[in-house]
Amino acid sequence: MAAPSPLGSYAIFCDDIRGEANGKAFLIGVYQDDMYVNGEAPWVLPQFYVRVVFRTPEVGAPPKLRFRLKAINESGETDIWKLDHPGFEDAPNAERLPFEKDISRSHITVFNIAITPFIIEKPSRLEVLAEVNGVETMIDRLRVRPTPST
């Protein structure tokens, strides 16, 4: 079981992320706790995005990080996406931002995961996890299930 997410870390699950030249990001079709999908599984979405905002203390060099997105369902767990740092700066749509709040300093790592197409084999729970120096923490989760009958 993963540890709770560090304060200020989160993920946003959505249908699309678009950006402007001035740095403004548009997150389109944001999901809250659940994604309801019409019809029976498997489901195919043309695209699916996850925006991850992860906060780590600014103490010396940035820590070794590993991020992953996994699906959990009745068949078990499946890794959908992984990214290791160092080497993180070479990843597309990734940046590390200095951030200051009150008197404590921290690094904010912001990046987008784009999955095209996104195939969901069966009702699942999607989890975004981060491993910091060998300790894994859950950042956020989303349940994917069929649209309820009325």
N, C-alpha and C. Protein backbone atom coordinates (compact mmCIF):
# COMPACT_ATOMS: atom_id res chain seq x y z
N MET A 1 0.84 -1.18 0.00
CA MET A 1 0.00 0.00 0.00
C MET A 1 0.88 1.24 0.00
N ALA A 2 0.53 2.19 -0.83
CA ALA A 2 1.31 3.42 -0.94
C ALA A 2 1.01 4.35 0.22
N ALA A 3 2.00 5.16 0.57
CA ALA A 3 1.82 6.17 1.62
C ALA A 3 0.94 7.30 1.08
N PRO A 4 0.36 8.14 1.97
CA PRO A 4 -0.44 9.26 1.51
C PRO A 4 0.40 10.25 0.71
N SER A 5 -0.27 11.00 -0.16
CA SER A 5 0.41 11.99 -1.00
C SER A 5 0.98 13.13 -0.17
N PRO A 6 2.19 13.62 -0.55
CA PRO A 6 2.73 14.79 0.14
C PRO A 6 1.81 15.99 -0.04
N LEU A 7 1.77 16.85 0.96
CA LEU A 7 0.94 18.04 0.91
C LEU A 7 1.24 18.84 -0.35
N GLY A 8 0.21 19.18 -1.09
CA GLY A 8 0.39 19.99 -2.28
C GLY A 8 0.61 19.19 -3.55
N SER A 9 0.65 17.86 -3.48
CA SER A 9 0.81 17.04 -4.68
C SER A 9 -0.55 16.53 -5.12
N TYR A 10 -0.78 16.53 -6.45
CA TYR A 10 -2.07 16.06 -6.96
C TYR A 10 -1.95 15.74 -8.44
N ALA A 11 -3.00 15.10 -8.96
CA ALA A 11 -3.10 14.83 -10.40
C ALA A 11 -4.49 15.26 -10.86
N ILE A 12 -4.55 15.71 -12.10
CA ILE A 12 -5.82 16.07 -12.72
C ILE A 12 -5.99 15.17 -13.94
N PHE A 13 -7.12 14.47 -14.00
CA PHE A 13 -7.44 13.57 -15.10
C PHE A 13 -8.40 14.29 -16.04
N CYS A 14 -8.08 14.30 -17.35
CA CYS A 14 -8.93 15.05 -18.27
C CYS A 14 -8.84 14.49 -19.70
N ASP A 15 -9.71 15.02 -20.57
CA ASP A 15 -9.75 14.59 -21.97
C ASP A 15 -8.67 15.24 -22.82
N ASP A 16 -8.25 16.47 -22.48
CA ASP A 16 -7.29 17.18 -23.31
C ASP A 16 -6.61 18.27 -22.49
N ILE A 17 -5.37 18.59 -22.86
CA ILE A 17 -4.64 19.72 -22.29
C ILE A 17 -4.08 20.51 -23.46
N ARG A 18 -4.43 21.78 -23.51
CA ARG A 18 -3.94 22.65 -24.58
C ARG A 18 -3.24 23.84 -23.93
N GLY A 19 -2.27 24.38 -24.62
CA GLY A 19 -1.53 25.49 -24.07
C GLY A 19 -1.45 26.65 -25.03
N GLU A 20 -1.27 27.85 -24.47
CA GLU A 20 -1.07 29.05 -25.25
C GLU A 20 0.39 29.47 -25.15
N ALA A 21 0.81 30.35 -26.04
CA ALA A 21 2.19 30.84 -26.06
C ALA A 21 2.55 31.57 -24.77
N ASN A 22 1.57 32.13 -24.07
CA ASN A 22 1.85 32.88 -22.84
C ASN A 22 1.96 31.96 -21.62
N GLY A 23 1.91 30.64 -21.83
CA GLY A 23 2.08 29.70 -20.73
C GLY A 23 0.78 29.25 -20.09
N LYS A 24 -0.34 29.79 -20.52
CA LYS A 24 -1.63 29.41 -19.95
C LYS A 24 -2.03 28.03 -20.45
N ALA A 25 -2.46 27.16 -19.54
CA ALA A 25 -2.90 25.81 -19.90
C ALA A 25 -4.41 25.71 -19.79
N PHE A 26 -5.01 25.01 -20.74
CA PHE A 26 -6.44 24.74 -20.71
C PHE A 26 -6.62 23.25 -20.51
N LEU A 27 -7.29 22.86 -19.42
CA LEU A 27 -7.60 21.47 -19.15
C LEU A 27 -9.06 21.27 -19.51
N ILE A 28 -9.32 20.37 -20.46
CA ILE A 28 -10.65 20.20 -21.03
C ILE A 28 -11.20 18.84 -20.60
N GLY A 29 -12.46 18.84 -20.15
CA GLY A 29 -13.11 17.60 -19.76
C GLY A 29 -12.49 16.99 -18.51
N VAL A 30 -12.42 17.77 -17.45
CA VAL A 30 -11.79 17.32 -16.20
C VAL A 30 -12.73 16.38 -15.46
N TYR A 31 -12.17 15.24 -15.02
CA TYR A 31 -12.93 14.25 -14.24
C TYR A 31 -12.69 14.49 -12.75
N GLN A 32 -13.71 14.23 -11.95
CA GLN A 32 -13.59 14.37 -10.51
C GLN A 32 -13.13 13.04 -9.92
N ASP A 33 -14.01 12.33 -9.24
CA ASP A 33 -13.66 11.03 -8.64
C ASP A 33 -13.91 9.86 -9.57
N ASP A 34 -14.83 10.04 -10.53
CA ASP A 34 -15.26 8.95 -11.39
C ASP A 34 -15.27 9.37 -12.85
N MET A 35 -14.93 8.42 -13.72
CA MET A 35 -15.13 8.57 -15.16
C MET A 35 -16.18 7.53 -15.54
N TYR A 36 -17.32 7.99 -16.05
CA TYR A 36 -18.35 7.07 -16.52
C TYR A 36 -18.24 6.94 -18.02
N VAL A 37 -18.24 5.68 -18.51
CA VAL A 37 -18.06 5.41 -19.93
C VAL A 37 -19.28 4.65 -20.43
N ASN A 38 -19.81 5.06 -21.59
CA ASN A 38 -21.00 4.41 -22.16
C ASN A 38 -20.65 3.06 -22.77
N GLY A 39 -21.61 2.15 -22.72
CA GLY A 39 -21.45 0.83 -23.32
C GLY A 39 -20.71 -0.13 -22.42
N GLU A 40 -20.34 -1.25 -23.00
CA GLU A 40 -19.63 -2.28 -22.25
C GLU A 40 -18.14 -2.24 -22.55
N ALA A 41 -17.35 -2.68 -21.59
CA ALA A 41 -15.89 -2.74 -21.77
C ALA A 41 -15.55 -3.79 -22.80
N PRO A 42 -14.44 -3.65 -23.50
CA PRO A 42 -13.42 -2.60 -23.34
C PRO A 42 -13.86 -1.28 -23.98
N TRP A 43 -13.31 -0.18 -23.44
CA TRP A 43 -13.60 1.15 -23.93
C TRP A 43 -12.34 1.73 -24.55
N VAL A 44 -12.51 2.50 -25.61
CA VAL A 44 -11.38 3.16 -26.26
C VAL A 44 -11.66 4.66 -26.30
N LEU A 45 -10.79 5.42 -25.64
CA LEU A 45 -10.87 6.88 -25.71
C LEU A 45 -9.80 7.34 -26.70
N PRO A 46 -10.12 8.29 -27.58
CA PRO A 46 -9.12 8.73 -28.55
C PRO A 46 -7.88 9.32 -27.88
N GLN A 47 -8.08 9.96 -26.74
CA GLN A 47 -6.96 10.49 -25.98
C GLN A 47 -7.37 10.66 -24.52
N PHE A 48 -6.36 10.68 -23.65
CA PHE A 48 -6.58 10.83 -22.21
C PHE A 48 -5.32 11.47 -21.64
N TYR A 49 -5.50 12.43 -20.76
CA TYR A 49 -4.36 13.16 -20.19
C TYR A 49 -4.41 13.12 -18.66
N VAL A 50 -3.23 13.13 -18.08
CA VAL A 50 -3.10 13.28 -16.64
C VAL A 50 -2.06 14.38 -16.42
N ARG A 51 -2.43 15.42 -15.69
CA ARG A 51 -1.48 16.48 -15.33
C ARG A 51 -1.07 16.22 -13.88
N VAL A 52 0.23 16.04 -13.66
CA VAL A 52 0.75 15.72 -12.33
C VAL A 52 1.50 16.93 -11.80
N VAL A 53 1.17 17.30 -10.57
CA VAL A 53 1.87 18.36 -9.85
C VAL A 53 2.40 17.71 -8.58
N PHE A 54 3.73 17.62 -8.47
CA PHE A 54 4.34 16.90 -7.35
C PHE A 54 5.31 17.81 -6.62
N ARG A 55 5.20 17.87 -5.31
CA ARG A 55 5.99 18.76 -4.48
C ARG A 55 7.00 17.96 -3.66
N THR A 56 8.27 18.37 -3.71
CA THR A 56 9.31 17.76 -2.88
C THR A 56 10.09 18.88 -2.20
N PRO A 57 10.61 18.66 -1.00
CA PRO A 57 11.39 19.70 -0.32
C PRO A 57 12.62 20.08 -1.12
N GLU A 58 12.96 21.36 -1.08
CA GLU A 58 14.16 21.85 -1.77
C GLU A 58 15.32 21.78 -0.79
N VAL A 59 15.93 20.62 -0.73
CA VAL A 59 17.08 20.39 0.15
C VAL A 59 18.17 19.78 -0.72
N GLY A 60 19.14 20.57 -1.09
CA GLY A 60 20.20 20.07 -1.97
C GLY A 60 19.66 19.74 -3.34
N ALA A 61 20.22 18.69 -3.94
CA ALA A 61 19.81 18.27 -5.28
C ALA A 61 18.42 17.66 -5.23
N PRO A 62 17.64 17.77 -6.32
CA PRO A 62 16.34 17.11 -6.35
C PRO A 62 16.50 15.61 -6.13
N PRO A 63 15.56 14.99 -5.43
CA PRO A 63 15.68 13.56 -5.13
C PRO A 63 15.47 12.71 -6.37
N LYS A 64 15.85 11.43 -6.27
CA LYS A 64 15.57 10.48 -7.34
C LYS A 64 14.07 10.21 -7.32
N LEU A 65 13.43 10.36 -8.47
CA LEU A 65 11.98 10.21 -8.56
C LEU A 65 11.61 9.16 -9.60
N ARG A 66 10.53 8.47 -9.36
CA ARG A 66 9.92 7.57 -10.35
C ARG A 66 8.42 7.80 -10.26
N PHE A 67 7.81 8.07 -11.40
CA PHE A 67 6.37 8.26 -11.47
C PHE A 67 5.78 7.13 -12.28
N ARG A 68 4.55 6.72 -11.93
CA ARG A 68 3.86 5.73 -12.74
C ARG A 68 2.35 5.91 -12.63
N LEU A 69 1.68 5.50 -13.69
CA LEU A 69 0.23 5.46 -13.74
C LEU A 69 -0.13 3.99 -13.89
N LYS A 70 -0.99 3.49 -13.01
CA LYS A 70 -1.37 2.08 -13.09
C LYS A 70 -2.87 1.93 -13.05
N ALA A 71 -3.34 0.81 -13.59
CA ALA A 71 -4.75 0.45 -13.54
C ALA A 71 -4.89 -0.76 -12.63
N ILE A 72 -5.87 -0.70 -11.75
CA ILE A 72 -6.14 -1.81 -10.84
C ILE A 72 -7.58 -2.26 -11.11
N ASN A 73 -7.75 -3.56 -11.36
CA ASN A 73 -9.08 -4.11 -11.57
C ASN A 73 -9.11 -5.54 -11.06
N GLU A 74 -10.17 -6.26 -11.36
CA GLU A 74 -10.33 -7.63 -10.84
C GLU A 74 -9.24 -8.58 -11.32
N SER A 75 -8.54 -8.22 -12.39
CA SER A 75 -7.45 -9.07 -12.89
C SER A 75 -6.11 -8.76 -12.26
N GLY A 76 -6.02 -7.69 -11.47
CA GLY A 76 -4.76 -7.30 -10.84
C GLY A 76 -4.35 -5.89 -11.21
N GLU A 77 -3.04 -5.65 -11.21
CA GLU A 77 -2.48 -4.32 -11.50
C GLU A 77 -1.72 -4.35 -12.81
N THR A 78 -1.83 -3.23 -13.57
CA THR A 78 -1.09 -3.08 -14.82
C THR A 78 -0.50 -1.69 -14.88
N ASP A 79 0.81 -1.59 -15.10
CA ASP A 79 1.42 -0.28 -15.31
C ASP A 79 1.08 0.21 -16.71
N ILE A 80 0.57 1.43 -16.78
CA ILE A 80 0.20 2.03 -18.06
C ILE A 80 1.32 2.93 -18.56
N TRP A 81 2.02 3.58 -17.63
CA TRP A 81 3.02 4.59 -17.98
C TRP A 81 4.02 4.71 -16.84
N LYS A 82 5.31 4.95 -17.16
CA LYS A 82 6.36 5.13 -16.14
C LYS A 82 7.33 6.20 -16.60
N LEU A 83 7.92 6.90 -15.64
CA LEU A 83 8.96 7.88 -15.94
C LEU A 83 9.91 7.94 -14.75
N ASP A 84 11.21 7.84 -15.02
CA ASP A 84 12.24 7.94 -13.99
C ASP A 84 12.96 9.27 -14.09
N HIS A 85 13.39 9.79 -12.96
CA HIS A 85 14.26 10.97 -12.88
C HIS A 85 15.47 10.54 -12.06
N PRO A 86 16.72 10.73 -12.43
CA PRO A 86 17.20 11.72 -13.39
C PRO A 86 16.90 11.34 -14.83
N GLY A 87 17.14 12.33 -15.71
CA GLY A 87 16.74 12.18 -17.09
C GLY A 87 15.37 12.77 -17.30
N PHE A 88 14.76 13.21 -16.23
CA PHE A 88 13.40 13.74 -16.27
C PHE A 88 13.31 15.00 -17.14
N GLU A 89 14.34 15.85 -17.11
CA GLU A 89 14.28 17.10 -17.87
C GLU A 89 14.16 16.85 -19.37
N ASP A 90 14.53 15.65 -19.82
CA ASP A 90 14.44 15.33 -21.24
C ASP A 90 13.03 14.90 -21.66
N ALA A 91 12.15 14.70 -20.68
CA ALA A 91 10.79 14.24 -21.00
C ALA A 91 9.99 15.38 -21.61
N PRO A 92 9.16 15.09 -22.63
CA PRO A 92 8.34 16.14 -23.21
C PRO A 92 7.33 16.66 -22.20
N ASN A 93 7.01 17.93 -22.27
CA ASN A 93 6.00 18.58 -21.42
C ASN A 93 6.33 18.50 -19.94
N ALA A 94 7.60 18.48 -19.58
CA ALA A 94 7.97 18.40 -18.16
C ALA A 94 8.81 19.61 -17.78
N GLU A 95 8.62 20.08 -16.58
CA GLU A 95 9.44 21.17 -16.07
C GLU A 95 9.51 21.09 -14.56
N ARG A 96 10.58 21.62 -14.02
CA ARG A 96 10.75 21.68 -12.57
C ARG A 96 10.77 23.16 -12.20
N LEU A 97 9.88 23.55 -11.33
CA LEU A 97 9.71 24.95 -10.98
C LEU A 97 10.10 25.20 -9.53
N PRO A 98 10.87 26.26 -9.24
CA PRO A 98 11.08 26.60 -7.84
C PRO A 98 9.78 27.18 -7.28
N PHE A 99 9.49 26.90 -6.04
CA PHE A 99 8.24 27.35 -5.45
C PHE A 99 8.48 27.69 -3.99
N GLU A 100 7.92 28.79 -3.55
CA GLU A 100 8.09 29.18 -2.15
C GLU A 100 6.73 29.44 -1.55
N LYS A 101 6.48 28.86 -0.39
CA LYS A 101 5.25 29.10 0.34
C LYS A 101 5.64 29.25 1.80
N ASP A 102 5.18 30.32 2.41
CA ASP A 102 5.60 30.66 3.76
C ASP A 102 7.12 30.72 3.79
N ILE A 103 7.75 30.04 4.75
CA ILE A 103 9.22 30.09 4.81
C ILE A 103 9.85 28.79 4.32
N SER A 104 9.03 27.79 3.98
CA SER A 104 9.59 26.52 3.51
C SER A 104 9.72 26.56 1.99
N ARG A 105 10.79 26.00 1.49
CA ARG A 105 11.01 25.97 0.04
C ARG A 105 10.85 24.53 -0.45
N SER A 106 10.35 24.43 -1.67
CA SER A 106 10.17 23.11 -2.25
C SER A 106 10.30 23.18 -3.77
N HIS A 107 10.52 22.02 -4.38
CA HIS A 107 10.47 21.89 -5.83
C HIS A 107 9.06 21.48 -6.20
N ILE A 108 8.55 22.06 -7.26
CA ILE A 108 7.28 21.61 -7.82
C ILE A 108 7.60 21.02 -9.18
N THR A 109 7.29 19.76 -9.37
CA THR A 109 7.47 19.09 -10.64
C THR A 109 6.12 19.01 -11.31
N VAL A 110 6.00 19.55 -12.53
CA VAL A 110 4.74 19.58 -13.26
C VAL A 110 4.97 18.92 -14.60
N PHE A 111 4.12 17.94 -14.95
CA PHE A 111 4.22 17.33 -16.27
C PHE A 111 2.87 16.73 -16.66
N ASN A 112 2.73 16.50 -17.96
CA ASN A 112 1.50 15.93 -18.50
C ASN A 112 1.80 14.54 -19.05
N ILE A 113 0.89 13.61 -18.77
CA ILE A 113 0.93 12.29 -19.37
C ILE A 113 -0.15 12.28 -20.45
N ALA A 114 0.22 11.95 -21.67
CA ALA A 114 -0.73 11.85 -22.77
C ALA A 114 -0.77 10.41 -23.25
N ILE A 115 -1.96 9.83 -23.29
CA ILE A 115 -2.12 8.46 -23.75
C ILE A 115 -3.11 8.48 -24.92
N THR A 116 -2.63 8.12 -26.10
CA THR A 116 -3.47 8.14 -27.30
C THR A 116 -3.23 6.89 -28.13
N PRO A 117 -4.22 6.09 -28.38
CA PRO A 117 -5.52 6.06 -27.72
C PRO A 117 -5.39 5.43 -26.33
N PHE A 118 -6.40 5.62 -25.52
CA PHE A 118 -6.42 5.05 -24.17
C PHE A 118 -7.43 3.92 -24.16
N ILE A 119 -6.95 2.70 -23.98
CA ILE A 119 -7.80 1.52 -23.99
C ILE A 119 -8.01 1.05 -22.55
N ILE A 120 -9.26 0.95 -22.15
CA ILE A 120 -9.62 0.51 -20.80
C ILE A 120 -10.31 -0.84 -20.95
N GLU A 121 -9.63 -1.88 -20.49
CA GLU A 121 -10.11 -3.25 -20.70
C GLU A 121 -11.36 -3.59 -19.89
N LYS A 122 -11.46 -3.03 -18.67
CA LYS A 122 -12.58 -3.32 -17.78
C LYS A 122 -12.66 -2.25 -16.72
N PRO A 123 -13.76 -2.19 -15.96
CA PRO A 123 -13.84 -1.20 -14.89
C PRO A 123 -12.58 -1.27 -14.02
N SER A 124 -12.01 -0.10 -13.75
CA SER A 124 -10.70 -0.05 -13.07
C SER A 124 -10.60 1.17 -12.18
N ARG A 125 -9.57 1.15 -11.37
CA ARG A 125 -9.16 2.34 -10.62
C ARG A 125 -7.79 2.72 -11.16
N LEU A 126 -7.66 3.96 -11.65
CA LEU A 126 -6.38 4.47 -12.11
C LEU A 126 -5.70 5.16 -10.94
N GLU A 127 -4.42 4.91 -10.75
CA GLU A 127 -3.66 5.55 -9.67
C GLU A 127 -2.39 6.16 -10.23
N VAL A 128 -2.10 7.38 -9.81
CA VAL A 128 -0.82 8.03 -10.09
C VAL A 128 0.02 7.88 -8.84
N LEU A 129 1.23 7.31 -8.99
CA LEU A 129 2.12 7.09 -7.86
C LEU A 129 3.47 7.74 -8.11
N ALA A 130 4.12 8.14 -7.03
CA ALA A 130 5.48 8.68 -7.11
C ALA A 130 6.34 7.94 -6.11
N GLU A 131 7.52 7.57 -6.55
CA GLU A 131 8.50 6.95 -5.67
C GLU A 131 9.63 7.96 -5.46
N VAL A 132 9.85 8.33 -4.20
CA VAL A 132 10.88 9.30 -3.85
C VAL A 132 11.91 8.58 -3.00
N ASN A 133 13.12 8.45 -3.53
CA ASN A 133 14.21 7.77 -2.82
C ASN A 133 13.77 6.42 -2.27
N GLY A 134 13.02 5.67 -3.08
CA GLY A 134 12.63 4.31 -2.71
C GLY A 134 11.33 4.17 -1.96
N VAL A 135 10.65 5.28 -1.60
CA VAL A 135 9.38 5.21 -0.88
C VAL A 135 8.27 5.67 -1.83
N GLU A 136 7.31 4.78 -2.10
CA GLU A 136 6.23 5.09 -3.03
C GLU A 136 5.05 5.74 -2.32
N THR A 137 4.50 6.81 -2.93
CA THR A 137 3.34 7.51 -2.40
C THR A 137 2.29 7.61 -3.50
N MET A 138 1.02 7.54 -3.12
CA MET A 138 -0.05 7.73 -4.08
C MET A 138 -0.34 9.22 -4.19
N ILE A 139 -0.41 9.72 -5.42
CA ILE A 139 -0.69 11.12 -5.67
C ILE A 139 -2.18 11.34 -5.81
N ASP A 140 -2.83 10.52 -6.63
CA ASP A 140 -4.26 10.68 -6.88
C ASP A 140 -4.81 9.43 -7.54
N ARG A 141 -6.14 9.35 -7.66
CA ARG A 141 -6.77 8.19 -8.28
C ARG A 141 -8.08 8.60 -8.95
N LEU A 142 -8.52 7.76 -9.89
CA LEU A 142 -9.77 7.97 -10.62
C LEU A 142 -10.39 6.60 -10.87
N ARG A 143 -11.68 6.46 -10.57
CA ARG A 143 -12.41 5.23 -10.88
C ARG A 143 -12.99 5.33 -12.28
N VAL A 144 -12.86 4.27 -13.07
CA VAL A 144 -13.42 4.21 -14.42
C VAL A 144 -14.45 3.08 -14.41
N ARG A 145 -15.70 3.43 -14.77
CA ARG A 145 -16.75 2.42 -14.73
C ARG A 145 -17.88 2.77 -15.71
N PRO A 146 -18.74 1.78 -15.98
CA PRO A 146 -19.83 2.05 -16.93
C PRO A 146 -20.81 3.09 -16.38
N THR A 147 -21.42 3.81 -17.30
CA THR A 147 -22.45 4.78 -16.92
C THR A 147 -23.57 4.04 -16.21
N PRO A 148 -24.01 4.53 -15.04
CA PRO A 148 -25.09 3.85 -14.32
C PRO A 148 -26.39 3.85 -15.11
N SER A 149 -27.14 2.78 -15.00
CA SER A 149 -28.45 2.70 -15.67
C SER A 149 -29.44 3.55 -14.90
N THR A 150 -30.37 4.15 -15.64
CA THR A 150 -31.38 4.98 -14.96
C THR A 150 -32.72 4.30 -14.92
